[in-house]
Amino acid sequence: MTETNMNTSNPCEGDRIAGTVGIPLPGISVRVVDPETGVALPPGEVGMLEVKGPNVFAGYWQMPEKTASEFSLDGFFMTGDLGRINERGYIHIVGRAKDLVITGG
């Protein structure tokens, strides 16, 4: 994702679980929230993935309103991806909550 660069990875050593994008990289926080309320969901529940870390962009250029609408009050970026985090911390992406527009590539 352009706004965040790399967030997760399957470990070089340890379990590589098919169907997941791995676990958050060091310094990165990922959580799953209810898309309507923003309330964090427990492991295994499907909701919107949010990410926070030094890899996340500061905001959309010259679009402060858009930037404000895409970040939670505690600084997590709302990715628009739907997913779940299992009890071991592995992330499964299962769909999209927001439209995705790809141009030029």
PDB file of N, CA and C in Angstrom:
ATOM      1  N   MET A   1       0.842  -1.168   0.000  1.00  0.00           N
ATOM      2  CA  MET A   1       0.000   0.000   0.000  1.00  0.00           C
ATOM      3  C   MET A   1       0.892   1.238   0.000  1.00  0.00           C
ATOM      4  N   THR A   2       0.632   2.148  -0.902  1.00  0.00           N
ATOM      5  CA  THR A   2       1.465   3.333  -1.067  1.00  0.00           C
ATOM      6  C   THR A   2       1.549   4.166   0.205  1.00  0.00           C
ATOM      7  N   GLU A   3       0.453   4.271   0.931  1.00  0.00           N
ATOM      8  CA  GLU A   3       0.422   5.133   2.116  1.00  0.00           C
ATOM      9  C   GLU A   3       1.232   4.591   3.292  1.00  0.00           C
ATOM     10  N   THR A   4       1.541   3.313   3.271  1.00  0.00           N
ATOM     11  CA  THR A   4       2.192   2.731   4.443  1.00  0.00           C
ATOM     12  C   THR A   4       3.464   1.955   4.141  1.00  0.00           C
ATOM     13  N   ASN A   5       3.778   1.699   2.912  1.00  0.00           N
ATOM     14  CA  ASN A   5       4.898   0.812   2.582  1.00  0.00           C
ATOM     15  C   ASN A   5       4.660  -0.559   3.204  1.00  0.00           C
ATOM     16  N   MET A   6       5.703  -1.211   3.658  1.00  0.00           N
ATOM     17  CA  MET A   6       5.579  -2.580   4.160  1.00  0.00           C
ATOM     18  C   MET A   6       5.145  -2.588   5.623  1.00  0.00           C
ATOM     19  N   ASN A   7       4.142  -3.405   5.929  1.00  0.00           N
ATOM     20  CA  ASN A   7       3.593  -3.476   7.281  1.00  0.00           C
ATOM     21  C   ASN A   7       3.843  -4.806   7.967  1.00  0.00           C
ATOM     22  N   THR A   8       3.770  -5.885   7.204  1.00  0.00           N
ATOM     23  CA  THR A   8       3.807  -7.232   7.773  1.00  0.00           C
ATOM     24  C   THR A   8       4.711  -8.134   6.948  1.00  0.00           C
ATOM     25  N   SER A   9       5.042  -9.271   7.542  1.00  0.00           N
ATOM     26  CA  SER A   9       5.816 -10.280   6.814  1.00  0.00           C
ATOM     27  C   SER A   9       5.686 -11.606   7.537  1.00  0.00           C
ATOM     28  N   ASN A  10       5.707 -12.684   6.766  1.00  0.00           N
ATOM     29  CA  ASN A  10       5.857 -13.990   7.386  1.00  0.00           C
ATOM     30  C   ASN A  10       7.286 -14.066   7.885  1.00  0.00           C
ATOM     31  N   PRO A  11       7.514 -14.688   9.028  1.00  0.00           N
ATOM     32  CA  PRO A  11       8.865 -14.718   9.597  1.00  0.00           C
ATOM     33  C   PRO A  11       9.829 -15.558   8.762  1.00  0.00           C
ATOM     34  N   CYS A  12      11.100 -15.158   8.753  1.00  0.00           N
ATOM     35  CA  CYS A  12      12.126 -15.955   8.073  1.00  0.00           C
ATOM     36  C   CYS A  12      12.303 -17.288   8.792  1.00  0.00           C
ATOM     37  N   GLU A  13      12.260 -17.228  10.105  1.00  0.00           N
ATOM     38  CA  GLU A  13      12.326 -18.437  10.921  1.00  0.00           C
ATOM     39  C   GLU A  13      11.046 -18.509  11.728  1.00  0.00           C
ATOM     40  N   GLY A  14      10.442 -19.668  11.765  1.00  0.00           N
ATOM     41  CA  GLY A  14       9.173 -19.809  12.462  1.00  0.00           C
ATOM     42  C   GLY A  14       8.086 -20.174  11.478  1.00  0.00           C
ATOM     43  N   ASP A  15       6.876 -20.202  11.962  1.00  0.00           N
ATOM     44  CA  ASP A  15       5.745 -20.637  11.139  1.00  0.00           C
ATOM     45  C   ASP A  15       5.421 -19.628  10.049  1.00  0.00           C
ATOM     46  N   ARG A  16       5.289 -20.153   8.838  1.00  0.00           N
ATOM     47  CA  ARG A  16       4.797 -19.383   7.704  1.00  0.00           C
ATOM     48  C   ARG A  16       3.426 -19.958   7.407  1.00  0.00           C
ATOM     49  N   ILE A  17       2.395 -19.192   7.670  1.00  0.00           N
ATOM     50  CA  ILE A  17       1.034 -19.705   7.584  1.00  0.00           C
ATOM     51  C   ILE A  17       0.395 -19.256   6.276  1.00  0.00           C
ATOM     52  N   ALA A  18       0.058 -20.247   5.445  1.00  0.00           N
ATOM     53  CA  ALA A  18      -0.580 -19.967   4.157  1.00  0.00           C
ATOM     54  C   ALA A  18      -1.888 -19.211   4.378  1.00  0.00           C
ATOM     55  N   GLY A  19      -2.167 -18.257   3.494  1.00  0.00           N
ATOM     56  CA  GLY A  19      -3.391 -17.475   3.591  1.00  0.00           C
ATOM     57  C   GLY A  19      -3.277 -16.259   4.488  1.00  0.00           C
ATOM     58  N   THR A  20      -2.088 -16.036   5.060  1.00  0.00           N
ATOM     59  CA  THR A  20      -1.896 -14.844   5.882  1.00  0.00           C
ATOM     60  C   THR A  20      -0.847 -13.948   5.233  1.00  0.00           C
ATOM     61  N   VAL A  21      -0.789 -12.707   5.694  1.00  0.00           N
ATOM     62  CA  VAL A  21       0.279 -11.802   5.273  1.00  0.00           C
ATOM     63  C   VAL A  21       1.334 -11.700   6.363  1.00  0.00           C
ATOM     64  N   GLY A  22       1.263 -12.608   7.326  1.00  0.00           N
ATOM     65  CA  GLY A  22       2.261 -12.671   8.377  1.00  0.00           C
ATOM     66  C   GLY A  22       1.884 -11.857   9.589  1.00  0.00           C
ATOM     67  N   ILE A  23       2.915 -11.394  10.283  1.00  0.00           N
ATOM     68  CA  ILE A  23       2.760 -10.628  11.523  1.00  0.00           C
ATOM     69  C   ILE A  23       3.323  -9.223  11.313  1.00  0.00           C
ATOM     70  N   PRO A  24       2.920  -8.262  12.146  1.00  0.00           N
ATOM     71  CA  PRO A  24       3.459  -6.906  11.986  1.00  0.00           C
ATOM     72  C   PRO A  24       4.983  -6.886  12.142  1.00  0.00           C
ATOM     73  N   LEU A  25       5.630  -6.081  11.328  1.00  0.00           N
ATOM     74  CA  LEU A  25       7.068  -5.887  11.443  1.00  0.00           C
ATOM     75  C   LEU A  25       7.382  -5.113  12.725  1.00  0.00           C
ATOM     76  N   PRO A  26       8.620  -5.182  13.213  1.00  0.00           N
ATOM     77  CA  PRO A  26       8.974  -4.431  14.423  1.00  0.00           C
ATOM     78  C   PRO A  26       8.637  -2.942  14.280  1.00  0.00           C
ATOM     79  N   GLY A  27       8.030  -2.385  15.304  1.00  0.00           N
ATOM     80  CA  GLY A  27       7.675  -0.973  15.306  1.00  0.00           C
ATOM     81  C   GLY A  27       6.345  -0.651  14.649  1.00  0.00           C
ATOM     82  N   ILE A  28       5.681  -1.664  14.087  1.00  0.00           N
ATOM     83  CA  ILE A  28       4.403  -1.463  13.405  1.00  0.00           C
ATOM     84  C   ILE A  28       3.290  -2.046  14.266  1.00  0.00           C
ATOM     85  N   SER A  29       2.204  -1.312  14.422  1.00  0.00           N
ATOM     86  CA  SER A  29       1.023  -1.811  15.127  1.00  0.00           C
ATOM     87  C   SER A  29      -0.102  -1.983  14.125  1.00  0.00           C
ATOM     88  N   VAL A  30      -0.770  -3.119  14.187  1.00  0.00           N
ATOM     89  CA  VAL A  30      -1.923  -3.395  13.335  1.00  0.00           C
ATOM     90  C   VAL A  30      -3.063  -3.833  14.238  1.00  0.00           C
ATOM     91  N   ARG A  31      -4.251  -3.320  13.954  1.00  0.00           N
ATOM     92  CA  ARG A  31      -5.422  -3.744  14.714  1.00  0.00           C
ATOM     93  C   ARG A  31      -6.608  -3.877  13.771  1.00  0.00           C
ATOM     94  N   VAL A  32      -7.622  -4.587  14.245  1.00  0.00           N
ATOM     95  CA  VAL A  32      -8.870  -4.764  13.510  1.00  0.00           C
ATOM     96  C   VAL A  32      -9.961  -4.058  14.301  1.00  0.00           C
ATOM     97  N   VAL A  33     -10.713  -3.201  13.610  1.00  0.00           N
ATOM     98  CA  VAL A  33     -11.778  -2.448  14.277  1.00  0.00           C
ATOM     99  C   VAL A  33     -13.096  -2.621  13.537  1.00  0.00           C
ATOM    100  N   ASP A  34     -14.164  -2.379  14.249  1.00  0.00           N
ATOM    101  CA  ASP A  34     -15.486  -2.335  13.631  1.00  0.00           C
ATOM    102  C   ASP A  34     -15.503  -1.113  12.705  1.00  0.00           C
ATOM    103  N   PRO A  35     -15.800  -1.301  11.411  1.00  0.00           N
ATOM    104  CA  PRO A  35     -15.751  -0.158  10.476  1.00  0.00           C
ATOM    105  C   PRO A  35     -16.734   0.965  10.818  1.00  0.00           C
ATOM    106  N   GLU A  36     -17.816   0.640  11.489  1.00  0.00           N
ATOM    107  CA  GLU A  36     -18.822   1.654  11.816  1.00  0.00           C
ATOM    108  C   GLU A  36     -18.474   2.445  13.074  1.00  0.00           C
ATOM    109  N   THR A  37     -17.906   1.766  14.074  1.00  0.00           N
ATOM    110  CA  THR A  37     -17.692   2.410  15.368  1.00  0.00           C
ATOM    111  C   THR A  37     -16.230   2.715  15.674  1.00  0.00           C
ATOM    112  N   GLY A  38     -15.300   2.019  15.012  1.00  0.00           N
ATOM    113  CA  GLY A  38     -13.882   2.187  15.303  1.00  0.00           C
ATOM    114  C   GLY A  38     -13.427   1.444  16.545  1.00  0.00           C
ATOM    115  N   VAL A  39     -14.310   0.660  17.138  1.00  0.00           N
ATOM    116  CA  VAL A  39     -13.973  -0.101  18.342  1.00  0.00           C
ATOM    117  C   VAL A  39     -13.147  -1.322  17.959  1.00  0.00           C
ATOM    118  N   ALA A  40     -12.036  -1.550  18.677  1.00  0.00           N
ATOM    119  CA  ALA A  40     -11.168  -2.692  18.414  1.00  0.00           C
ATOM    120  C   ALA A  40     -11.928  -3.995  18.625  1.00  0.00           C
ATOM    121  N   LEU A  41     -11.686  -4.951  17.735  1.00  0.00           N
ATOM    122  CA  LEU A  41     -12.341  -6.252  17.794  1.00  0.00           C
ATOM    123  C   LEU A  41     -11.386  -7.309  18.344  1.00  0.00           C
ATOM    124  N   PRO A  42     -11.923  -8.359  18.947  1.00  0.00           N
ATOM    125  CA  PRO A  42     -11.069  -9.419  19.492  1.00  0.00           C
ATOM    126  C   PRO A  42     -10.480 -10.291  18.383  1.00  0.00           C
ATOM    127  N   PRO A  43      -9.443 -11.082  18.708  1.00  0.00           N
ATOM    128  CA  PRO A  43      -8.850 -11.987  17.714  1.00  0.00           C
ATOM    129  C   PRO A  43      -9.915 -12.852  17.045  1.00  0.00           C
ATOM    130  N   GLY A  44      -9.760 -13.021  15.725  1.00  0.00           N
ATOM    131  CA  GLY A  44     -10.668 -13.858  14.960  1.00  0.00           C
ATOM    132  C   GLY A  44     -11.842 -13.135  14.346  1.00  0.00           C
ATOM    133  N   GLU A  45     -12.178 -11.948  14.847  1.00  0.00           N
ATOM    134  CA  GLU A  45     -13.299 -11.185  14.301  1.00  0.00           C
ATOM    135  C   GLU A  45     -12.848 -10.410  13.066  1.00  0.00           C
ATOM    136  N   VAL A  46     -13.726 -10.325  12.054  1.00  0.00           N
ATOM    137  CA  VAL A  46     -13.420  -9.587  10.828  1.00  0.00           C
ATOM    138  C   VAL A  46     -13.847  -8.133  10.984  1.00  0.00           C
ATOM    139  N   GLY A  47     -12.960  -7.237  10.605  1.00  0.00           N
ATOM    140  CA  GLY A  47     -13.240  -5.806  10.617  1.00  0.00           C
ATOM    141  C   GLY A  47     -12.232  -5.098   9.734  1.00  0.00           C
ATOM    142  N   MET A  48     -12.144  -3.761   9.867  1.00  0.00           N
ATOM    143  CA  MET A  48     -11.200  -2.994   9.055  1.00  0.00           C
ATOM    144  C   MET A  48      -9.823  -2.993   9.706  1.00  0.00           C
ATOM    145  N   LEU A  49      -8.811  -3.218   8.879  1.00  0.00           N
ATOM    146  CA  LEU A  49      -7.439  -3.180   9.361  1.00  0.00           C
ATOM    147  C   LEU A  49      -6.968  -1.730   9.457  1.00  0.00           C
ATOM    148  N   GLU A  50      -6.344  -1.419  10.587  1.00  0.00           N
ATOM    149  CA  GLU A  50      -5.722  -0.117  10.783  1.00  0.00           C
ATOM    150  C   GLU A  50      -4.265  -0.347  11.138  1.00  0.00           C
ATOM    151  N   VAL A  51      -3.407   0.566  10.705  1.00  0.00           N
ATOM    152  CA  VAL A  51      -1.971   0.410  10.926  1.00  0.00           C
ATOM    153  C   VAL A  51      -1.363   1.719  11.426  1.00  0.00           C
ATOM    154  N   LYS A  52      -0.342   1.567  12.277  1.00  0.00           N
ATOM    155  CA  LYS A  52       0.342   2.734  12.829  1.00  0.00           C
ATOM    156  C   LYS A  52       1.827   2.399  12.940  1.00  0.00           C
ATOM    157  N   GLY A  53       2.678   3.339  12.559  1.00  0.00           N
ATOM    158  CA  GLY A  53       4.113   3.141  12.674  1.00  0.00           C
ATOM    159  C   GLY A  53       4.877   4.190  11.900  1.00  0.00           C
ATOM    160  N   PRO A  54       6.213   4.135  11.980  1.00  0.00           N
ATOM    161  CA  PRO A  54       7.031   5.136  11.298  1.00  0.00           C
ATOM    162  C   PRO A  54       6.969   5.023   9.770  1.00  0.00           C
ATOM    163  N   ASN A  55       6.424   3.925   9.269  1.00  0.00           N
ATOM    164  CA  ASN A  55       6.300   3.712   7.828  1.00  0.00           C
ATOM    165  C   ASN A  55       5.062   4.366   7.231  1.00  0.00           C
ATOM    166  N   VAL A  56       4.143   4.833   8.069  1.00  0.00           N
ATOM    167  CA  VAL A  56       2.878   5.394   7.592  1.00  0.00           C
ATOM    168  C   VAL A  56       3.092   6.850   7.177  1.00  0.00           C
ATOM    169  N   PHE A  57       2.536   7.201   6.036  1.00  0.00           N
ATOM    170  CA  PHE A  57       2.692   8.561   5.514  1.00  0.00           C
ATOM    171  C   PHE A  57       2.078   9.589   6.457  1.00  0.00           C
ATOM    172  N   ALA A  58       2.477  10.835   6.316  1.00  0.00           N
ATOM    173  CA  ALA A  58       1.992  11.902   7.199  1.00  0.00           C
ATOM    174  C   ALA A  58       0.612  12.398   6.801  1.00  0.00           C
ATOM    175  N   GLY A  59       0.237  12.218   5.538  1.00  0.00           N
ATOM    176  CA  GLY A  59      -1.068  12.675   5.086  1.00  0.00           C
ATOM    177  C   GLY A  59      -1.079  12.932   3.595  1.00  0.00           C
ATOM    178  N   TYR A  60      -2.269  13.174   3.086  1.00  0.00           N
ATOM    179  CA  TYR A  60      -2.448  13.468   1.663  1.00  0.00           C
ATOM    180  C   TYR A  60      -2.039  14.909   1.382  1.00  0.00           C
ATOM    181  N   TRP A  61      -1.266  15.101   0.318  1.00  0.00           N
ATOM    182  CA  TRP A  61      -0.733  16.415  -0.022  1.00  0.00           C
ATOM    183  C   TRP A  61      -1.855  17.401  -0.289  1.00  0.00           C
ATOM    184  N   GLN A  62      -1.834  18.494   0.428  1.00  0.00           N
ATOM    185  CA  GLN A  62      -2.783  19.603   0.299  1.00  0.00           C
ATOM    186  C   GLN A  62      -4.243  19.159   0.455  1.00  0.00           C
ATOM    187  N   MET A  63      -4.463  18.108   1.248  1.00  0.00           N
ATOM    188  CA  MET A  63      -5.824  17.609   1.482  1.00  0.00           C
ATOM    189  C   MET A  63      -6.018  17.322   2.978  1.00  0.00           C
ATOM    190  N   PRO A  64      -6.014  18.354   3.806  1.00  0.00           N
ATOM    191  CA  PRO A  64      -6.108  18.125   5.253  1.00  0.00           C
ATOM    192  C   PRO A  64      -7.407  17.446   5.689  1.00  0.00           C
ATOM    193  N   GLU A  65      -8.516  17.726   5.010  1.00  0.00           N
ATOM    194  CA  GLU A  65      -9.783  17.094   5.377  1.00  0.00           C
ATOM    195  C   GLU A  65      -9.752  15.597   5.078  1.00  0.00           C
ATOM    196  N   LYS A  66      -9.208  15.236   3.925  1.00  0.00           N
ATOM    197  CA  LYS A  66      -9.071  13.819   3.559  1.00  0.00           C
ATOM    198  C   LYS A  66      -8.138  13.118   4.541  1.00  0.00           C
ATOM    199  N   THR A  67      -7.039  13.758   4.879  1.00  0.00           N
ATOM    200  CA  THR A  67      -6.093  13.185   5.841  1.00  0.00           C
ATOM    201  C   THR A  67      -6.790  12.932   7.171  1.00  0.00           C
ATOM    202  N   ALA A  68      -7.513  13.913   7.665  1.00  0.00           N
ATOM    203  CA  ALA A  68      -8.196  13.777   8.956  1.00  0.00           C
ATOM    204  C   ALA A  68      -9.217  12.650   8.933  1.00  0.00           C
ATOM    205  N   SER A  69      -9.878  12.454   7.799  1.00  0.00           N
ATOM    206  CA  SER A  69     -10.910  11.413   7.720  1.00  0.00           C
ATOM    207  C   SER A  69     -10.335  10.008   7.610  1.00  0.00           C
ATOM    208  N   GLU A  70      -9.058   9.887   7.271  1.00  0.00           N
ATOM    209  CA  GLU A  70      -8.449   8.572   7.074  1.00  0.00           C
ATOM    210  C   GLU A  70      -7.606   8.103   8.255  1.00  0.00           C
ATOM    211  N   PHE A  71      -7.500   8.921   9.294  1.00  0.00           N
ATOM    212  CA  PHE A  71      -6.756   8.551  10.494  1.00  0.00           C
ATOM    213  C   PHE A  71      -7.688   8.543  11.699  1.00  0.00           C
ATOM    214  N   SER A  72      -7.507   7.565  12.583  1.00  0.00           N
ATOM    215  CA  SER A  72      -8.272   7.538  13.832  1.00  0.00           C
ATOM    216  C   SER A  72      -7.741   8.632  14.757  1.00  0.00           C
ATOM    217  N   LEU A  73      -8.459   8.915  15.808  1.00  0.00           N
ATOM    218  CA  LEU A  73      -8.038   9.952  16.752  1.00  0.00           C
ATOM    219  C   LEU A  73      -6.712   9.609  17.425  1.00  0.00           C
ATOM    220  N   ASP A  74      -6.401   8.293  17.545  1.00  0.00           N
ATOM    221  CA  ASP A  74      -5.129   7.901  18.158  1.00  0.00           C
ATOM    222  C   ASP A  74      -4.038   7.600  17.130  1.00  0.00           C
ATOM    223  N   GLY A  75      -4.226   8.061  15.878  1.00  0.00           N
ATOM    224  CA  GLY A  75      -3.154   8.038  14.893  1.00  0.00           C
ATOM    225  C   GLY A  75      -3.026   6.812  14.022  1.00  0.00           C
ATOM    226  N   PHE A  76      -3.988   5.897  14.054  1.00  0.00           N
ATOM    227  CA  PHE A  76      -3.946   4.740  13.172  1.00  0.00           C
ATOM    228  C   PHE A  76      -4.509   5.115  11.805  1.00  0.00           C
ATOM    229  N   PHE A  77      -3.848   4.638  10.729  1.00  0.00           N
ATOM    230  CA  PHE A  77      -4.335   4.852   9.367  1.00  0.00           C
ATOM    231  C   PHE A  77      -5.358   3.771   9.045  1.00  0.00           C
ATOM    232  N   MET A  78      -6.502   4.178   8.525  1.00  0.00           N
ATOM    233  CA  MET A  78      -7.576   3.255   8.152  1.00  0.00           C
ATOM    234  C   MET A  78      -7.305   2.753   6.735  1.00  0.00           C
ATOM    235  N   THR A  79      -6.858   1.508   6.614  1.00  0.00           N
ATOM    236  CA  THR A  79      -6.402   0.992   5.327  1.00  0.00           C
ATOM    237  C   THR A  79      -7.510   0.748   4.317  1.00  0.00           C
ATOM    238  N   GLY A  80      -8.715   0.484   4.783  1.00  0.00           N
ATOM    239  CA  GLY A  80      -9.795   0.105   3.872  1.00  0.00           C
ATOM    240  C   GLY A  80      -9.832  -1.378   3.615  1.00  0.00           C
ATOM    241  N   ASP A  81      -8.843  -2.116   4.107  1.00  0.00           N
ATOM    242  CA  ASP A  81      -8.844  -3.578   3.975  1.00  0.00           C
ATOM    243  C   ASP A  81      -9.658  -4.197   5.093  1.00  0.00           C
ATOM    244  N   LEU A  82     -10.381  -5.263   4.762  1.00  0.00           N
ATOM    245  CA  LEU A  82     -11.072  -6.052   5.766  1.00  0.00           C
ATOM    246  C   LEU A  82     -10.201  -7.246   6.104  1.00  0.00           C
ATOM    247  N   GLY A  83     -10.100  -7.546   7.368  1.00  0.00           N
ATOM    248  CA  GLY A  83      -9.270  -8.672   7.763  1.00  0.00           C
ATOM    249  C   GLY A  83      -9.547  -9.102   9.179  1.00  0.00           C
ATOM    250  N   ARG A  84      -8.767 -10.085   9.600  1.00  0.00           N
ATOM    251  CA  ARG A  84      -8.835 -10.562  10.972  1.00  0.00           C
ATOM    252  C   ARG A  84      -7.434 -10.916  11.411  1.00  0.00           C
ATOM    253  N   ILE A  85      -7.219 -10.902  12.701  1.00  0.00           N
ATOM    254  CA  ILE A  85      -5.939 -11.292  13.277  1.00  0.00           C
ATOM    255  C   ILE A  85      -6.200 -12.511  14.145  1.00  0.00           C
ATOM    256  N   ASN A  86      -5.480 -13.600  13.874  1.00  0.00           N
ATOM    257  CA  ASN A  86      -5.723 -14.807  14.658  1.00  0.00           C
ATOM    258  C   ASN A  86      -5.068 -14.698  16.034  1.00  0.00           C
ATOM    259  N   GLU A  87      -5.288 -15.690  16.855  1.00  0.00           N
ATOM    260  CA  GLU A  87      -4.805 -15.656  18.236  1.00  0.00           C
ATOM    261  C   GLU A  87      -3.288 -15.634  18.345  1.00  0.00           C
ATOM    262  N   ARG A  88      -2.582 -15.987  17.256  1.00  0.00           N
ATOM    263  CA  ARG A  88      -1.112 -15.952  17.248  1.00  0.00           C
ATOM    264  C   ARG A  88      -0.567 -14.659  16.658  1.00  0.00           C
ATOM    265  N   GLY A  89      -1.463 -13.751  16.230  1.00  0.00           N
ATOM    266  CA  GLY A  89      -1.032 -12.464  15.696  1.00  0.00           C
ATOM    267  C   GLY A  89      -0.853 -12.418  14.194  1.00  0.00           C
ATOM    268  N   TYR A  90      -1.179 -13.511  13.487  1.00  0.00           N
ATOM    269  CA  TYR A  90      -1.075 -13.539  12.029  1.00  0.00           C
ATOM    270  C   TYR A  90      -2.303 -12.867  11.426  1.00  0.00           C
ATOM    271  N   ILE A  91      -2.067 -12.070  10.383  1.00  0.00           N
ATOM    272  CA  ILE A  91      -3.113 -11.259   9.777  1.00  0.00           C
ATOM    273  C   ILE A  91      -3.610 -11.906   8.492  1.00  0.00           C
ATOM    274  N   HIS A  92      -4.936 -11.990   8.385  1.00  0.00           N
ATOM    275  CA  HIS A  92      -5.607 -12.509   7.196  1.00  0.00           C
ATOM    276  C   HIS A  92      -6.366 -11.354   6.557  1.00  0.00           C
ATOM    277  N   ILE A  93      -6.124 -11.068   5.285  1.00  0.00           N
ATOM    278  CA  ILE A  93      -6.895 -10.055   4.568  1.00  0.00           C
ATOM    279  C   ILE A  93      -8.002 -10.785   3.820  1.00  0.00           C
ATOM    280  N   VAL A  94      -9.249 -10.338   4.016  1.00  0.00           N
ATOM    281  CA  VAL A  94     -10.387 -11.056   3.441  1.00  0.00           C
ATOM    282  C   VAL A  94     -11.198 -10.224   2.445  1.00  0.00           C
ATOM    283  N   GLY A  95     -10.895  -8.943   2.293  1.00  0.00           N
ATOM    284  CA  GLY A  95     -11.652  -8.122   1.351  1.00  0.00           C
ATOM    285  C   GLY A  95     -11.360  -6.645   1.531  1.00  0.00           C
ATOM    286  N   ARG A  96     -12.238  -5.823   0.958  1.00  0.00           N
ATOM    287  CA  ARG A  96     -12.111  -4.372   1.023  1.00  0.00           C
ATOM    288  C   ARG A  96     -13.374  -3.750   1.597  1.00  0.00           C
ATOM    289  N   ALA A  97     -13.195  -2.730   2.409  1.00  0.00           N
ATOM    290  CA  ALA A  97     -14.309  -1.952   2.937  1.00  0.00           C
ATOM    291  C   ALA A  97     -14.488  -0.666   2.146  1.00  0.00           C
ATOM    292  N   LYS A  98     -13.449  -0.233   1.416  1.00  0.00           N
ATOM    293  CA  LYS A  98     -13.476   1.003   0.658  1.00  0.00           C
ATOM    294  C   LYS A  98     -13.145   0.700  -0.803  1.00  0.00           C
ATOM    295  N   ASP A  99     -13.603   1.572  -1.680  1.00  0.00           N
ATOM    296  CA  ASP A  99     -13.249   1.453  -3.085  1.00  0.00           C
ATOM    297  C   ASP A  99     -11.763   1.643  -3.262  1.00  0.00           C
ATOM    298  N   LEU A 100     -11.186   0.946  -4.212  1.00  0.00           N
ATOM    299  CA  LEU A 100      -9.771   1.047  -4.510  1.00  0.00           C
ATOM    300  C   LEU A 100      -9.646   1.442  -5.975  1.00  0.00           C
ATOM    301  N   VAL A 101      -8.958   2.535  -6.238  1.00  0.00           N
ATOM    302  CA  VAL A 101      -8.759   2.996  -7.602  1.00  0.00           C
ATOM    303  C   VAL A 101      -7.287   2.840  -7.952  1.00  0.00           C
ATOM    304  N   ILE A 102      -7.035   2.088  -9.022  1.00  0.00           N
ATOM    305  CA  ILE A 102      -5.665   1.893  -9.499  1.00  0.00           C
ATOM    306  C   ILE A 102      -5.541   2.638 -10.822  1.00  0.00           C
ATOM    307  N   THR A 103      -4.550   3.535 -10.900  1.00  0.00           N
ATOM    308  CA  THR A 103      -4.337   4.275 -12.139  1.00  0.00           C
ATOM    309  C   THR A 103      -2.884   4.144 -12.560  1.00  0.00           C
ATOM    310  N   GLY A 104      -2.663   4.013 -13.830  1.00  0.00           N
ATOM    311  CA  GLY A 104      -1.324   4.032 -14.383  1.00  0.00           C
ATOM    312  C   GLY A 104      -0.446   2.842 -14.031  1.00  0.00           C
ATOM    313  N   GLY A 105      -1.009   1.701 -13.666  1.00  0.00           N
ATOM    314  CA  GLY A 105      -0.129   0.599 -13.357  1.00  0.00           C
ATOM    315  C   GLY A 105      -0.743  -0.668 -13.085  1.00  0.00           C
TER     316      GLY A 105
END
